[in-house]
Amino acid sequence: METEDFQKYLKERYEDQINWYDKKSAWNQKLYRYFQWSVIILAAITPVLVAIAPEENRWPAVTIAALVAIGTSILKTFKYQENWINYRTTCETLRKEIHFYRAGSGDYRDSEDREALFVERVESLISRENTIWLTTQRPKEGKKSSP
């Protein structure tokens, strides 16, 4: 692989993918923590409201219980935690790959075309993450979706 082509690949593909995975990981982490803490806090408040509210004024507790159910459903449906972990893992694995390449260690030690090997390994990592994402988005076999 030509040096110019490799430098272009690093800038336009490799660095772009690292930035994308880094941002998506941070965003999914933020959403996961927001909804998870909301569910925890609201779930803790609900029994307190039920205990102290007069019987004719239970609507705040009912509303909060509904919000807990909605928050839990959002966490389950959008899989922010799984996405956060998968994106972070891919980002850090991609970052590590350039160090192996530059040090000439691992598979790069005996490679005749280190640049081509780097591109192959990076594309393989990206492809693997795409497959993992697709797998996490599909409903599990044996479980039917709601009609």
N, C-alpha and C. Protein backbone atom coordinates (compact mmCIF):
# COMPACT_ATOMS: atom_id res chain seq x y z
N MET A 1 0.85 -1.17 0.00
CA MET A 1 0.00 0.00 0.00
C MET A 1 0.89 1.24 0.00
N GLU A 2 0.55 2.19 -0.84
CA GLU A 2 1.33 3.43 -0.93
C GLU A 2 1.18 4.26 0.34
N THR A 3 2.25 4.96 0.71
CA THR A 3 2.25 5.78 1.92
C THR A 3 1.15 6.83 1.89
N GLU A 4 0.98 7.47 0.74
CA GLU A 4 -0.04 8.51 0.61
C GLU A 4 -1.45 7.94 0.81
N ASP A 5 -1.70 6.78 0.23
CA ASP A 5 -3.00 6.12 0.40
C ASP A 5 -3.23 5.73 1.86
N PHE A 6 -2.18 5.25 2.49
CA PHE A 6 -2.30 4.85 3.89
C PHE A 6 -2.59 6.05 4.78
N GLN A 7 -1.89 7.16 4.54
CA GLN A 7 -2.13 8.38 5.33
C GLN A 7 -3.57 8.88 5.13
N LYS A 8 -4.05 8.78 3.90
CA LYS A 8 -5.43 9.17 3.60
C LYS A 8 -6.41 8.25 4.34
N TYR A 9 -6.12 6.96 4.35
CA TYR A 9 -6.96 6.00 5.07
C TYR A 9 -6.99 6.34 6.57
N LEU A 10 -5.81 6.61 7.13
CA LEU A 10 -5.75 6.95 8.56
C LEU A 10 -6.62 8.15 8.88
N LYS A 11 -6.51 9.17 8.06
CA LYS A 11 -7.25 10.40 8.34
C LYS A 11 -8.74 10.26 8.05
N GLU A 12 -9.09 9.74 6.90
CA GLU A 12 -10.48 9.74 6.46
C GLU A 12 -11.31 8.57 6.98
N ARG A 13 -10.68 7.49 7.31
CA ARG A 13 -11.45 6.33 7.75
C ARG A 13 -11.14 5.97 9.21
N TYR A 14 -9.88 5.72 9.50
CA TYR A 14 -9.50 5.25 10.83
C TYR A 14 -9.83 6.28 11.91
N GLU A 15 -9.33 7.49 11.78
CA GLU A 15 -9.58 8.52 12.78
C GLU A 15 -11.06 8.88 12.84
N ASP A 16 -11.72 8.90 11.69
CA ASP A 16 -13.15 9.18 11.65
C ASP A 16 -13.94 8.14 12.43
N GLN A 17 -13.59 6.88 12.27
CA GLN A 17 -14.28 5.80 12.99
C GLN A 17 -14.02 5.89 14.50
N ILE A 18 -12.80 6.17 14.89
CA ILE A 18 -12.50 6.33 16.32
C ILE A 18 -13.34 7.46 16.90
N ASN A 19 -13.39 8.59 16.22
CA ASN A 19 -14.19 9.72 16.70
C ASN A 19 -15.67 9.36 16.80
N TRP A 20 -16.18 8.65 15.79
CA TRP A 20 -17.59 8.26 15.78
C TRP A 20 -17.90 7.35 16.97
N TYR A 21 -17.08 6.29 17.15
CA TYR A 21 -17.31 5.36 18.25
C TYR A 21 -17.15 6.04 19.61
N ASP A 22 -16.21 6.95 19.72
CA ASP A 22 -16.00 7.68 20.96
C ASP A 22 -17.23 8.52 21.31
N LYS A 23 -17.74 9.27 20.33
CA LYS A 23 -18.92 10.12 20.57
C LYS A 23 -20.16 9.28 20.85
N LYS A 24 -20.36 8.23 20.08
CA LYS A 24 -21.54 7.37 20.29
C LYS A 24 -21.48 6.66 21.63
N SER A 25 -20.30 6.24 22.03
CA SER A 25 -20.14 5.61 23.34
C SER A 25 -20.51 6.58 24.45
N ALA A 26 -19.98 7.79 24.38
CA ALA A 26 -20.27 8.80 25.41
C ALA A 26 -21.76 9.14 25.44
N TRP A 27 -22.38 9.27 24.27
CA TRP A 27 -23.81 9.60 24.19
C TRP A 27 -24.66 8.48 24.78
N ASN A 28 -24.37 7.24 24.44
CA ASN A 28 -25.13 6.12 24.97
C ASN A 28 -24.90 5.96 26.48
N GLN A 29 -23.70 6.23 26.95
CA GLN A 29 -23.43 6.19 28.38
C GLN A 29 -24.27 7.25 29.10
N LYS A 30 -24.31 8.44 28.55
CA LYS A 30 -25.08 9.53 29.14
C LYS A 30 -26.57 9.17 29.22
N LEU A 31 -27.12 8.66 28.12
CA LEU A 31 -28.53 8.29 28.10
C LEU A 31 -28.81 7.13 29.06
N TYR A 32 -27.93 6.14 29.06
CA TYR A 32 -28.11 5.01 29.97
C TYR A 32 -28.14 5.50 31.41
N ARG A 33 -27.18 6.28 31.81
CA ARG A 33 -27.12 6.75 33.20
C ARG A 33 -28.32 7.63 33.55
N TYR A 34 -28.72 8.49 32.63
CA TYR A 34 -29.88 9.35 32.86
C TYR A 34 -31.13 8.51 33.14
N PHE A 35 -31.44 7.59 32.24
CA PHE A 35 -32.65 6.78 32.41
C PHE A 35 -32.52 5.82 33.60
N GLN A 36 -31.35 5.25 33.80
CA GLN A 36 -31.18 4.31 34.92
C GLN A 36 -31.36 5.02 36.25
N TRP A 37 -30.73 6.17 36.42
CA TRP A 37 -30.89 6.91 37.67
C TRP A 37 -32.31 7.43 37.84
N SER A 38 -32.94 7.83 36.76
CA SER A 38 -34.34 8.27 36.83
C SER A 38 -35.23 7.14 37.32
N VAL A 39 -35.05 5.96 36.77
CA VAL A 39 -35.85 4.80 37.18
C VAL A 39 -35.59 4.48 38.66
N ILE A 40 -34.35 4.50 39.08
CA ILE A 40 -34.02 4.18 40.48
C ILE A 40 -34.67 5.19 41.43
N ILE A 41 -34.50 6.46 41.14
CA ILE A 41 -35.04 7.50 42.02
C ILE A 41 -36.57 7.48 42.03
N LEU A 42 -37.17 7.41 40.85
CA LEU A 42 -38.64 7.39 40.79
C LEU A 42 -39.21 6.13 41.45
N ALA A 43 -38.55 5.01 41.28
CA ALA A 43 -39.01 3.77 41.91
C ALA A 43 -38.93 3.87 43.43
N ALA A 44 -37.93 4.58 43.94
CA ALA A 44 -37.80 4.76 45.38
C ALA A 44 -38.84 5.73 45.93
N ILE A 45 -39.22 6.71 45.14
CA ILE A 45 -40.20 7.72 45.57
C ILE A 45 -41.62 7.15 45.59
N THR A 46 -41.93 6.26 44.68
CA THR A 46 -43.30 5.75 44.53
C THR A 46 -43.88 5.19 45.83
N PRO A 47 -43.23 4.26 46.52
CA PRO A 47 -43.85 3.74 47.75
C PRO A 47 -44.00 4.79 48.85
N VAL A 48 -43.08 5.75 48.88
CA VAL A 48 -43.18 6.82 49.87
C VAL A 48 -44.44 7.64 49.60
N LEU A 49 -44.67 7.98 48.34
CA LEU A 49 -45.87 8.75 47.99
C LEU A 49 -47.14 7.97 48.30
N VAL A 50 -47.12 6.69 48.03
CA VAL A 50 -48.30 5.86 48.33
C VAL A 50 -48.56 5.87 49.83
N ALA A 51 -47.50 5.81 50.63
CA ALA A 51 -47.66 5.75 52.08
C ALA A 51 -48.15 7.07 52.68
N ILE A 52 -47.71 8.19 52.13
CA ILE A 52 -48.05 9.48 52.76
C ILE A 52 -49.22 10.20 52.10
N ALA A 53 -49.57 9.84 50.89
CA ALA A 53 -50.64 10.55 50.18
C ALA A 53 -52.00 10.08 50.69
N PRO A 54 -52.94 11.02 50.80
CA PRO A 54 -54.30 10.61 51.15
C PRO A 54 -54.88 9.74 50.03
N GLU A 55 -55.80 8.88 50.40
CA GLU A 55 -56.33 7.90 49.45
C GLU A 55 -56.96 8.54 48.22
N GLU A 56 -57.57 9.68 48.38
CA GLU A 56 -58.22 10.34 47.24
C GLU A 56 -57.22 11.08 46.34
N ASN A 57 -55.98 11.13 46.74
CA ASN A 57 -54.98 11.87 45.96
C ASN A 57 -53.77 10.97 45.63
N ARG A 58 -54.02 9.88 44.94
CA ARG A 58 -52.96 8.92 44.60
C ARG A 58 -52.39 9.15 43.20
N TRP A 59 -52.90 10.10 42.48
CA TRP A 59 -52.45 10.28 41.10
C TRP A 59 -50.96 10.57 40.97
N PRO A 60 -50.30 11.31 41.89
CA PRO A 60 -48.85 11.49 41.72
C PRO A 60 -48.09 10.15 41.78
N ALA A 61 -48.47 9.28 42.70
CA ALA A 61 -47.80 7.98 42.81
C ALA A 61 -48.05 7.13 41.57
N VAL A 62 -49.27 7.17 41.06
CA VAL A 62 -49.61 6.41 39.85
C VAL A 62 -48.82 6.95 38.66
N THR A 63 -48.73 8.26 38.56
CA THR A 63 -47.99 8.89 37.46
C THR A 63 -46.51 8.52 37.52
N ILE A 64 -45.94 8.57 38.71
CA ILE A 64 -44.52 8.22 38.86
C ILE A 64 -44.29 6.75 38.55
N ALA A 65 -45.20 5.89 38.97
CA ALA A 65 -45.08 4.46 38.66
C ALA A 65 -45.11 4.24 37.14
N ALA A 66 -45.96 5.00 36.45
CA ALA A 66 -46.01 4.91 34.99
C ALA A 66 -44.70 5.38 34.37
N LEU A 67 -44.12 6.44 34.93
CA LEU A 67 -42.83 6.93 34.43
C LEU A 67 -41.71 5.90 34.64
N VAL A 68 -41.77 5.18 35.74
CA VAL A 68 -40.80 4.10 35.99
C VAL A 68 -40.93 3.04 34.90
N ALA A 69 -42.17 2.67 34.58
CA ALA A 69 -42.40 1.66 33.54
C ALA A 69 -41.90 2.16 32.18
N ILE A 70 -42.15 3.42 31.89
CA ILE A 70 -41.70 3.99 30.61
C ILE A 70 -40.17 4.02 30.55
N GLY A 71 -39.53 4.48 31.63
CA GLY A 71 -38.06 4.53 31.67
C GLY A 71 -37.44 3.16 31.52
N THR A 72 -38.02 2.18 32.18
CA THR A 72 -37.52 0.81 32.07
C THR A 72 -37.68 0.28 30.65
N SER A 73 -38.81 0.59 30.04
CA SER A 73 -39.04 0.16 28.65
C SER A 73 -38.06 0.81 27.69
N ILE A 74 -37.77 2.08 27.91
CA ILE A 74 -36.80 2.78 27.06
C ILE A 74 -35.42 2.13 27.18
N LEU A 75 -35.01 1.84 28.41
CA LEU A 75 -33.71 1.19 28.62
C LEU A 75 -33.64 -0.16 27.92
N LYS A 76 -34.72 -0.91 28.00
CA LYS A 76 -34.76 -2.25 27.39
C LYS A 76 -34.80 -2.15 25.87
N THR A 77 -35.57 -1.22 25.35
CA THR A 77 -35.77 -1.11 23.91
C THR A 77 -34.54 -0.55 23.19
N PHE A 78 -33.98 0.52 23.71
CA PHE A 78 -32.90 1.21 22.99
C PHE A 78 -31.51 0.71 23.37
N LYS A 79 -31.39 -0.10 24.39
CA LYS A 79 -30.16 -0.80 24.75
C LYS A 79 -28.95 0.13 24.86
N TYR A 80 -29.15 1.22 25.58
CA TYR A 80 -28.07 2.19 25.73
C TYR A 80 -26.84 1.60 26.40
N GLN A 81 -27.03 0.75 27.40
CA GLN A 81 -25.87 0.17 28.09
C GLN A 81 -25.07 -0.73 27.16
N GLU A 82 -25.75 -1.59 26.42
CA GLU A 82 -25.05 -2.49 25.50
C GLU A 82 -24.31 -1.70 24.42
N ASN A 83 -24.98 -0.68 23.87
CA ASN A 83 -24.34 0.15 22.84
C ASN A 83 -23.13 0.89 23.41
N TRP A 84 -23.29 1.45 24.60
CA TRP A 84 -22.18 2.16 25.25
C TRP A 84 -20.97 1.24 25.38
N ILE A 85 -21.17 0.04 25.90
CA ILE A 85 -20.06 -0.90 26.12
C ILE A 85 -19.46 -1.36 24.79
N ASN A 86 -20.30 -1.71 23.83
CA ASN A 86 -19.79 -2.18 22.53
C ASN A 86 -19.03 -1.08 21.79
N TYR A 87 -19.57 0.14 21.79
CA TYR A 87 -18.89 1.24 21.11
C TYR A 87 -17.57 1.58 21.80
N ARG A 88 -17.57 1.58 23.14
CA ARG A 88 -16.33 1.88 23.86
C ARG A 88 -15.28 0.81 23.60
N THR A 89 -15.70 -0.45 23.61
CA THR A 89 -14.77 -1.55 23.36
C THR A 89 -14.16 -1.43 21.97
N THR A 90 -14.99 -1.16 20.97
CA THR A 90 -14.49 -1.02 19.60
C THR A 90 -13.56 0.17 19.48
N CYS A 91 -13.92 1.29 20.09
CA CYS A 91 -13.09 2.49 20.04
C CYS A 91 -11.71 2.22 20.63
N GLU A 92 -11.67 1.61 21.80
CA GLU A 92 -10.39 1.34 22.45
C GLU A 92 -9.58 0.28 21.72
N THR A 93 -10.25 -0.69 21.12
CA THR A 93 -9.54 -1.71 20.34
C THR A 93 -8.93 -1.09 19.10
N LEU A 94 -9.66 -0.18 18.45
CA LEU A 94 -9.12 0.53 17.29
C LEU A 94 -7.92 1.39 17.69
N ARG A 95 -8.03 2.08 18.82
CA ARG A 95 -6.91 2.90 19.29
C ARG A 95 -5.67 2.06 19.57
N LYS A 96 -5.88 0.89 20.13
CA LYS A 96 -4.77 -0.01 20.45
C LYS A 96 -4.08 -0.51 19.18
N GLU A 97 -4.84 -0.69 18.12
CA GLU A 97 -4.30 -1.27 16.88
C GLU A 97 -3.18 -0.41 16.29
N ILE A 98 -3.32 0.91 16.35
CA ILE A 98 -2.28 1.79 15.78
C ILE A 98 -0.97 1.64 16.55
N HIS A 99 -1.06 1.35 17.85
CA HIS A 99 0.16 1.16 18.65
C HIS A 99 0.89 -0.12 18.25
N PHE A 100 0.13 -1.17 17.99
CA PHE A 100 0.75 -2.41 17.50
C PHE A 100 1.43 -2.17 16.15
N TYR A 101 0.73 -1.44 15.29
CA TYR A 101 1.28 -1.13 13.96
C TYR A 101 2.59 -0.34 14.09
N ARG A 102 2.56 0.73 14.87
CA ARG A 102 3.73 1.61 14.99
C ARG A 102 4.91 0.90 15.66
N ALA A 103 4.61 0.02 16.60
CA ALA A 103 5.68 -0.71 17.30
C ALA A 103 6.18 -1.90 16.50
N GLY A 104 5.44 -2.27 15.47
CA GLY A 104 5.81 -3.44 14.68
C GLY A 104 5.72 -4.72 15.51
N SER A 105 4.74 -4.76 16.39
CA SER A 105 4.61 -5.94 17.26
C SER A 105 3.41 -6.78 16.86
N GLY A 106 3.32 -7.97 17.46
CA GLY A 106 2.21 -8.87 17.15
C GLY A 106 2.27 -9.31 15.70
N ASP A 107 1.13 -9.29 15.04
CA ASP A 107 1.05 -9.70 13.64
C ASP A 107 1.86 -8.81 12.71
N TYR A 108 2.17 -7.59 13.15
CA TYR A 108 2.91 -6.65 12.31
C TYR A 108 4.40 -6.96 12.25
N ARG A 109 4.88 -7.75 13.18
CA ARG A 109 6.32 -8.04 13.27
C ARG A 109 6.84 -8.67 11.98
N ASP A 110 6.13 -9.65 11.45
CA ASP A 110 6.62 -10.39 10.29
C ASP A 110 5.87 -10.06 9.00
N SER A 111 5.07 -9.02 9.03
CA SER A 111 4.26 -8.69 7.85
C SER A 111 5.08 -7.99 6.78
N GLU A 112 4.85 -8.39 5.55
CA GLU A 112 5.54 -7.75 4.41
C GLU A 112 4.90 -6.41 4.07
N ASP A 113 3.59 -6.30 4.29
CA ASP A 113 2.87 -5.06 4.00
C ASP A 113 2.07 -4.69 5.24
N ARG A 114 2.73 -4.01 6.17
CA ARG A 114 2.11 -3.66 7.45
C ARG A 114 0.90 -2.76 7.27
N GLU A 115 0.95 -1.86 6.29
CA GLU A 115 -0.17 -0.95 6.07
C GLU A 115 -1.42 -1.71 5.63
N ALA A 116 -1.25 -2.63 4.70
CA ALA A 116 -2.39 -3.43 4.23
C ALA A 116 -2.95 -4.28 5.37
N LEU A 117 -2.07 -4.84 6.19
CA LEU A 117 -2.52 -5.62 7.34
C LEU A 117 -3.30 -4.75 8.32
N PHE A 118 -2.81 -3.54 8.55
CA PHE A 118 -3.50 -2.61 9.44
C PHE A 118 -4.91 -2.33 8.93
N VAL A 119 -5.03 -2.02 7.65
CA VAL A 119 -6.34 -1.73 7.05
C VAL A 119 -7.26 -2.94 7.19
N GLU A 120 -6.76 -4.12 6.91
CA GLU A 120 -7.57 -5.34 7.04
C GLU A 120 -8.06 -5.53 8.46
N ARG A 121 -7.17 -5.33 9.42
CA ARG A 121 -7.54 -5.55 10.83
C ARG A 121 -8.54 -4.50 11.30
N VAL A 122 -8.34 -3.26 10.90
CA VAL A 122 -9.28 -2.20 11.29
C VAL A 122 -10.66 -2.47 10.69
N GLU A 123 -10.70 -2.80 9.42
CA GLU A 123 -11.99 -3.07 8.78
C GLU A 123 -12.67 -4.30 9.40
N SER A 124 -11.88 -5.26 9.80
CA SER A 124 -12.43 -6.44 10.47
C SER A 124 -13.04 -6.07 11.81
N LEU A 125 -12.37 -5.20 12.57
CA LEU A 125 -12.91 -4.74 13.86
C LEU A 125 -14.22 -3.98 13.67
N ILE A 126 -14.26 -3.12 12.67
CA ILE A 126 -15.47 -2.35 12.40
C ILE A 126 -16.60 -3.27 11.98
N SER A 127 -16.29 -4.22 11.12
CA SER A 127 -17.30 -5.19 10.67
C SER A 127 -17.83 -6.02 11.83
N ARG A 128 -16.93 -6.43 12.72
CA ARG A 128 -17.34 -7.22 13.89
C ARG A 128 -18.29 -6.42 14.77
N GLU A 129 -17.99 -5.14 14.98
CA GLU A 129 -18.86 -4.31 15.80
C GLU A 129 -20.22 -4.15 15.14
N ASN A 130 -20.24 -3.98 13.82
CA ASN A 130 -21.51 -3.86 13.11
C ASN A 130 -22.35 -5.12 13.28
N THR A 131 -21.71 -6.27 13.24
CA THR A 131 -22.42 -7.54 13.44
C THR A 131 -22.96 -7.64 14.86
N ILE A 132 -22.16 -7.24 15.84
CA ILE A 132 -22.61 -7.25 17.24
C ILE A 132 -23.80 -6.31 17.41
N TRP A 133 -23.73 -5.12 16.83
CA TRP A 133 -24.83 -4.16 16.94
C TRP A 133 -26.11 -4.75 16.36
N LEU A 134 -25.99 -5.35 15.18
CA LEU A 134 -27.16 -5.95 14.54
C LEU A 134 -27.75 -7.05 15.42
N THR A 135 -26.90 -7.85 16.03
CA THR A 135 -27.36 -8.93 16.90
C THR A 135 -28.09 -8.38 18.13
N THR A 136 -27.58 -7.30 18.70
CA THR A 136 -28.23 -6.75 19.90
C THR A 136 -29.54 -6.06 19.58
N GLN A 137 -29.73 -5.65 18.34
CA GLN A 137 -30.97 -4.94 17.98
C GLN A 137 -32.11 -5.89 17.62
N ARG A 138 -31.78 -7.11 17.29
CA ARG A 138 -32.82 -8.08 16.93
C ARG A 138 -33.42 -8.69 18.19
N PRO A 139 -34.73 -8.98 18.15
CA PRO A 139 -35.32 -9.69 19.29
C PRO A 139 -34.71 -11.08 19.41
N LYS A 140 -34.60 -11.57 20.62
CA LYS A 140 -34.06 -12.91 20.85
C LYS A 140 -34.99 -13.95 20.23
N GLU A 141 -34.39 -15.04 19.70
CA GLU A 141 -35.20 -16.12 19.14
C GLU A 141 -35.99 -16.76 20.27
N GLY A 142 -37.20 -17.16 19.95
CA GLY A 142 -38.06 -17.78 20.95
C GLY A 142 -38.94 -16.76 21.65
N LYS A 143 -38.59 -15.48 21.53
CA LYS A 143 -39.41 -14.42 22.10
C LYS A 143 -40.08 -13.69 20.96
N LYS A 144 -41.37 -13.61 21.02
CA LYS A 144 -42.10 -12.92 19.96
C LYS A 144 -42.29 -11.47 20.34
N SER A 145 -42.27 -10.62 19.34
CA SER A 145 -42.55 -9.22 19.55
C SER A 145 -44.03 -9.05 19.80
N SER A 146 -44.37 -7.99 20.47
CA SER A 146 -45.79 -7.70 20.69
C SER A 146 -46.45 -7.39 19.37
N PRO A 147 -47.71 -7.82 19.19
CA PRO A 147 -48.38 -7.56 17.91
C PRO A 147 -48.70 -6.10 17.73
